[in-house]
Protein backbone atom coordinates (compact mmCIF):
# COMPACT_ATOMS: atom_id res chain seq x y z
CA UNK A 1 40.24 -83.11 30.01
CA UNK A 2 37.99 -81.21 27.63
CA UNK A 3 36.04 -78.30 29.10
CA UNK A 4 32.68 -78.73 27.32
CA UNK A 5 30.02 -81.41 27.23
CA UNK A 6 27.27 -82.38 24.78
CA UNK A 7 24.27 -84.06 26.37
CA UNK A 8 21.73 -86.21 24.52
CA UNK A 9 18.60 -87.32 26.37
CA UNK A 10 14.92 -88.17 26.12
CA UNK A 11 12.16 -89.72 28.17
CA UNK A 12 8.58 -90.63 27.42
CA UNK A 13 6.54 -89.57 30.45
CA UNK A 14 3.42 -87.48 31.16
CA UNK A 15 4.80 -83.96 31.59
CA UNK A 16 1.56 -82.23 32.62
CA UNK A 17 1.55 -78.45 32.14
CA UNK A 18 3.93 -78.17 29.19
CA UNK A 19 3.89 -74.36 28.97
CA UNK A 20 4.81 -73.90 32.63
CA UNK A 21 7.52 -76.54 32.36
CA UNK A 22 8.87 -74.91 29.18
CA UNK A 23 9.07 -71.49 30.83
CA UNK A 24 10.86 -72.85 33.91
CA UNK A 25 13.23 -74.81 31.70
CA UNK A 26 14.09 -71.92 29.42
CA UNK A 27 14.78 -69.66 32.41
CA UNK A 28 17.18 -72.21 33.90
CA UNK A 29 19.00 -72.65 30.60
CA UNK A 30 19.46 -68.89 30.14
CA UNK A 31 20.75 -68.49 33.68
CA UNK A 32 23.19 -71.39 33.36
CA UNK A 33 24.61 -70.80 29.87
CA UNK A 34 23.02 -73.90 28.37
CA UNK A 35 22.75 -73.96 24.56
CA UNK A 36 20.92 -76.39 22.31
CA UNK A 37 17.45 -77.68 21.46
CA UNK A 38 14.90 -79.09 23.88
CA UNK A 39 11.46 -80.28 22.80
CA UNK A 40 8.67 -80.76 25.30
CA UNK A 41 5.32 -82.43 24.71
CA UNK A 42 2.64 -83.98 26.86
CA UNK A 43 4.35 -87.31 26.11
CA UNK A 44 7.81 -86.32 27.40
CA UNK A 45 11.09 -84.52 26.67
CA UNK A 46 13.79 -84.76 23.98
CA UNK A 47 16.95 -82.69 24.02
CA UNK A 48 20.49 -82.14 22.81
CA UNK A 49 22.36 -79.46 24.73
CA UNK A 50 25.90 -78.19 25.19
CA UNK A 51 27.81 -76.13 27.72
CA UNK A 52 30.76 -76.00 30.07
CA UNK A 53 31.17 -79.11 32.20
CA UNK A 54 30.05 -77.38 35.42
CA UNK A 55 26.94 -75.94 33.73
CA UNK A 56 26.00 -79.33 32.25
CA UNK A 57 26.35 -80.93 35.68
CA UNK A 58 24.00 -78.26 37.05
CA UNK A 59 21.51 -79.02 34.28
CA UNK A 60 21.58 -82.76 34.99
CA UNK A 61 20.93 -82.12 38.68
CA UNK A 62 18.14 -79.66 37.82
CA UNK A 63 16.29 -81.96 35.44
CA UNK A 64 16.57 -84.93 37.79
CA UNK A 65 15.10 -82.80 40.59
CA UNK A 66 11.72 -83.29 38.90
CA UNK A 67 10.31 -86.62 40.17
CA UNK A 68 9.23 -87.64 36.66
CA UNK A 69 12.82 -87.27 35.42
CA UNK A 70 14.74 -88.62 38.42
CA UNK A 71 15.85 -91.68 36.42
CA UNK A 72 16.40 -90.04 33.02
CA UNK A 73 19.42 -91.38 31.13
CA UNK A 74 21.99 -88.93 29.76
CA UNK A 75 24.40 -89.73 26.92
CA UNK A 76 27.42 -87.48 27.20
CA UNK A 77 30.35 -86.45 24.99
CA UNK A 78 33.42 -84.41 25.93
CA UNK A 79 34.21 -81.58 23.50
CA UNK A 80 36.72 -78.73 23.09
CA UNK A 81 34.04 -76.14 22.35
CA UNK A 82 30.33 -75.57 22.63
CA UNK A 83 28.22 -77.35 20.00
CA UNK A 84 25.39 -74.79 19.75
CA UNK A 85 25.17 -71.01 19.65
CA UNK A 86 21.58 -70.59 20.91
CA UNK A 87 19.04 -72.22 23.19
CA UNK A 88 15.59 -73.26 21.98
CA UNK A 89 13.02 -74.76 24.33
CA UNK A 90 9.78 -75.46 22.49
CA UNK A 91 6.47 -77.19 23.07
CA UNK A 92 5.54 -79.70 20.36
CA UNK A 93 2.78 -82.23 19.75
CA UNK A 94 5.41 -84.99 19.78
CA UNK A 95 8.96 -84.99 21.09
CA UNK A 96 10.00 -86.34 17.70
CA UNK A 97 7.82 -86.10 14.58
CA UNK A 98 6.78 -89.65 13.77
CA UNK A 99 3.35 -89.87 12.18
CA UNK A 100 2.78 -92.77 14.60
CA UNK A 101 0.03 -91.26 16.74
CA UNK A 102 -1.92 -94.06 18.37
CA UNK A 103 1.06 -96.42 18.51
CA UNK A 104 1.47 -97.65 22.08
CA UNK A 105 4.95 -97.68 23.60
CA UNK A 106 3.81 -100.70 25.61
CA UNK A 107 4.19 -102.68 22.39
CA UNK A 108 7.79 -101.60 21.89
CA UNK A 109 10.43 -104.07 20.80
CA UNK A 110 12.50 -105.94 23.38
CA UNK A 111 15.49 -103.90 24.55
CA UNK A 112 18.78 -105.25 23.30
CA UNK A 113 21.86 -104.18 25.27
CA UNK A 114 25.03 -103.25 23.32
CA UNK A 115 26.80 -106.34 24.61
CA UNK A 116 23.91 -108.49 23.37
CA UNK A 117 24.11 -106.98 19.88
CA UNK A 118 27.86 -107.62 19.89
CA UNK A 119 27.09 -111.24 20.77
CA UNK A 120 24.53 -111.46 17.93
CA UNK A 121 27.28 -110.53 15.49
CA UNK A 122 30.05 -112.62 17.00
CA UNK A 123 27.92 -115.75 17.25
CA UNK A 124 26.56 -115.14 13.73
CA UNK A 125 22.96 -115.16 14.89
CA UNK A 126 20.37 -115.17 12.11
CA UNK A 127 19.01 -111.64 12.41
CA UNK A 128 18.25 -108.57 10.30
CA UNK A 129 19.46 -105.18 11.52
CA UNK A 130 17.53 -102.15 10.27
CA UNK A 131 18.38 -98.45 10.43
CA UNK A 132 15.43 -96.33 11.62
CA UNK A 133 17.13 -93.06 10.64
CA UNK A 134 17.03 -91.00 7.46
CA UNK A 135 18.98 -91.94 4.31
CA UNK A 136 21.66 -89.29 4.76
CA UNK A 137 22.37 -90.39 8.33
CA UNK A 138 22.94 -94.00 7.28
CA UNK A 139 25.13 -92.88 4.38
CA UNK A 140 27.55 -91.39 6.91
CA UNK A 141 27.63 -94.53 9.05
CA UNK A 142 25.76 -97.78 9.73
CA UNK A 143 26.01 -101.18 11.38
CA UNK A 144 27.58 -104.00 9.39
CA UNK A 145 25.10 -105.54 6.93
CA UNK A 146 22.36 -103.10 7.99
CA UNK A 147 19.25 -102.55 5.90
CA UNK A 148 19.16 -98.79 5.30
CA UNK A 149 15.71 -97.59 4.10
CA UNK A 150 15.92 -94.44 1.99
CA UNK A 151 13.65 -92.33 4.20
CA UNK A 152 13.68 -88.56 3.86
CA UNK A 153 12.27 -88.24 7.38
CA UNK A 154 10.95 -90.39 10.20
CA UNK A 155 7.33 -89.68 9.23
CA UNK A 156 7.88 -92.15 6.36
CA UNK A 157 8.28 -95.06 8.80
CA UNK A 158 4.78 -96.47 8.15
CA UNK A 159 5.52 -96.74 4.42
CA UNK A 160 8.96 -98.14 5.17
CA UNK A 161 7.54 -100.89 7.35
CA UNK A 162 5.37 -102.06 4.44
CA UNK A 163 8.53 -102.40 2.38
CA UNK A 164 10.13 -104.43 5.20
CA UNK A 165 7.36 -107.03 5.46
CA UNK A 166 9.66 -109.64 3.90
CA UNK A 167 11.36 -109.73 7.34
CA UNK A 168 8.15 -110.28 9.35
CA UNK A 169 9.13 -113.75 10.51
CA UNK A 170 12.80 -112.97 11.11
CA UNK A 171 14.56 -111.71 14.23
CA UNK A 172 14.73 -107.95 13.63
CA UNK A 173 16.94 -105.42 15.43
CA UNK A 174 16.28 -101.73 14.77
CA UNK A 175 18.51 -98.86 15.80
CA UNK A 176 18.76 -95.06 15.75
CA UNK A 177 21.12 -92.45 17.19
CA UNK A 178 20.05 -92.41 20.85
CA UNK A 179 17.03 -94.71 20.96
CA UNK A 180 14.10 -92.29 20.78
CA UNK A 181 12.94 -93.15 17.27
CA UNK A 182 13.09 -96.88 17.99
CA UNK A 183 10.63 -96.58 20.87
CA UNK A 184 7.71 -95.96 18.51
CA UNK A 185 9.25 -97.51 15.41
CA UNK A 186 9.62 -100.91 17.07
CA UNK A 187 6.15 -100.69 18.63
CA UNK A 188 4.64 -100.03 15.22
CA UNK A 189 6.45 -103.05 13.75
CA UNK A 190 5.07 -105.26 16.53
CA UNK A 191 1.57 -103.90 15.88
CA UNK A 192 2.00 -104.73 12.19
CA UNK A 193 2.70 -108.38 12.96
CA UNK A 194 6.50 -108.60 13.07
CA UNK A 195 7.23 -111.65 15.23
CA UNK A 196 10.56 -110.97 16.96
CA UNK A 197 11.49 -107.29 17.26
CA UNK A 198 14.36 -105.78 19.26
CA UNK A 199 15.37 -102.14 19.73
CA UNK A 200 19.01 -101.28 20.47
CA UNK A 201 19.00 -99.91 24.00
CA UNK A 202 20.74 -96.51 24.11
CA UNK A 203 21.14 -96.44 20.35
CA UNK A 204 24.30 -96.07 18.30
CA UNK A 205 25.83 -93.62 20.77
CA UNK A 206 25.80 -96.10 23.65
CA UNK A 207 27.02 -99.02 21.51
CA UNK A 208 29.96 -97.16 19.96
CA UNK A 209 31.17 -95.84 23.32
CA UNK A 210 31.38 -99.41 24.59
CA UNK A 211 32.49 -101.19 21.44
CA UNK A 212 34.28 -98.96 18.93
CA UNK A 213 36.15 -100.65 16.08
CA UNK A 214 33.73 -103.60 16.01
CA UNK A 215 30.54 -103.65 13.93
CA UNK A 216 29.78 -99.95 13.52
CA UNK A 217 31.11 -98.64 10.21
CA UNK A 218 31.72 -94.91 9.66
CA UNK A 219 30.68 -91.88 11.69
CA UNK A 220 27.56 -90.79 13.57
CA UNK A 221 25.46 -87.98 12.10
CA UNK A 222 24.59 -85.41 14.79
CA UNK A 223 22.23 -82.44 14.60
CA UNK A 224 24.56 -79.80 16.01
CA UNK A 225 27.58 -77.84 14.89
CA UNK A 226 29.88 -80.86 15.15
CA UNK A 227 28.09 -82.29 12.07
CA UNK A 228 29.46 -85.80 12.67
CA UNK A 229 31.18 -87.73 15.44
CA UNK A 230 34.02 -90.11 14.56
CA UNK A 231 33.95 -93.15 16.83
CA UNK A 232 36.38 -95.62 15.25
CA UNK A 233 40.17 -95.43 15.11
CA UNK A 234 40.78 -98.30 12.68
CA UNK A 235 41.10 -96.81 9.21
CA UNK A 236 38.92 -99.39 7.42
CA UNK A 237 36.04 -98.61 9.81
CA UNK A 238 36.30 -94.81 9.89
CA UNK A 239 34.50 -93.94 6.64
CA UNK A 240 31.52 -95.25 4.69
CA UNK A 241 31.24 -92.39 2.21
CA UNK A 242 33.46 -90.40 -0.13
CA UNK A 243 33.69 -86.76 -1.13
CA UNK A 244 31.27 -86.24 -4.00
CA UNK A 245 33.79 -83.97 -5.74
CA UNK A 246 37.17 -85.71 -5.44
CA UNK A 247 36.41 -89.16 -4.01
CA UNK A 248 38.43 -88.78 -0.79
CA UNK A 249 36.97 -90.74 2.17
CA UNK A 250 35.09 -88.29 4.40
CA UNK A 251 32.77 -88.00 7.36
CA UNK A 252 31.79 -84.40 6.61
CA UNK A 253 28.73 -82.91 4.94
CA UNK A 254 27.11 -79.55 4.28
CA UNK A 255 23.87 -78.23 2.83
CA UNK A 256 24.39 -76.47 -0.49
CA UNK A 257 24.59 -72.73 0.21
CA UNK A 258 22.30 -71.91 -2.67
CA UNK A 259 19.15 -71.27 -0.66
CA UNK A 260 16.97 -72.46 -3.55
CA UNK A 261 18.80 -75.81 -3.53
CA UNK A 262 19.84 -76.77 0.05
CA UNK A 263 20.89 -80.26 -1.11
CA UNK A 264 22.93 -82.33 1.36
CA UNK A 265 26.44 -82.83 -0.04
CA UNK A 266 29.21 -85.07 1.30
CA UNK A 267 32.48 -83.20 0.83
CA UNK A 268 36.00 -83.20 2.16
CA UNK A 269 37.04 -79.92 3.76
CA UNK A 270 39.12 -78.82 0.79
CA UNK A 271 36.39 -79.42 -1.78
CA UNK A 272 33.75 -77.59 0.23
CA UNK A 273 35.98 -74.50 -0.11
CA UNK A 274 36.86 -75.16 -3.75
CA UNK A 275 33.12 -75.44 -4.52
CA UNK A 276 32.27 -72.36 -2.42
CA UNK A 277 30.02 -74.53 -0.21
CA UNK A 278 27.78 -75.39 -3.18
CA UNK A 279 26.90 -78.57 -5.06
CA UNK A 280 27.39 -77.30 -8.64
CA UNK A 281 28.64 -74.41 -10.78
CA UNK A 282 25.04 -73.21 -11.18
CA UNK A 283 24.64 -73.02 -7.41
CA UNK A 284 27.98 -71.24 -7.02
CA UNK A 285 26.58 -68.50 -9.27
CA UNK A 286 23.16 -68.38 -7.57
CA UNK A 287 21.85 -65.02 -6.35
CA UNK A 288 20.48 -66.18 -2.99
CA UNK A 289 23.24 -67.88 -1.02
CA UNK A 290 23.47 -68.62 2.68
CA UNK A 291 25.88 -66.36 4.59
CA UNK A 292 29.13 -68.12 5.49
CA UNK A 293 30.44 -67.59 9.02
CA UNK A 294 33.16 -70.21 9.07
CA UNK A 295 36.24 -71.24 7.12
């Protein structure tokens, strides 16, 4: 058994005094060796954290001790090492930047369980599946036949929905990593007149744990030091992208270490070293480069 855990969680709920809650939360995390990022807003909580198994169990018990979080859902991965080096607990206006202020979660799309999505595929239901993540996330992995809008960030969702109006009268399923983006994204689609909108309950993470090697293609982009999580074992389903330098199938990426560039590059591990963690010869010779702490 692996000794570390990575926990992904969120809940939309009225938090109340966000500063007091933040301070209590940060104190607990420091005292219990919890690392990661936790965002708190009046509308709820959103976090990805990592720690030893016993410390993560303590955190789960602690958070659920608050009545408003007694039923919060945790998505959990076993790991060999910790996935963060620091802890950040911050108060934000939103628990994920959306640009969808005023969108009511009461209008959210119908929740589609992983087994129901599997059935959609296997019974060849007439539906459109849409990725609510950013372009680089969907490049690393996506559902079979998914529409993958080329968003730079989630704040572009309103513009994206205009581009998706051709699907207004279709059955639409939207998905994201853990479900948080789809809460508001699906509600906005309903408000814009989409007739039959579903959101994948629990997101990609929940689906791939239940049904690997089915209709998910590639890896899952994660915002921690793991970079990506491989979920399939069948070779034809493991990769959806290739190293931009040599063409080898890969599920790894970096940001160019030229600090004036910072472009996302999909590399294999050998080419990232050969290219000195940069996207071009010009960037290799740049004056301002990010320090490198790993091999």
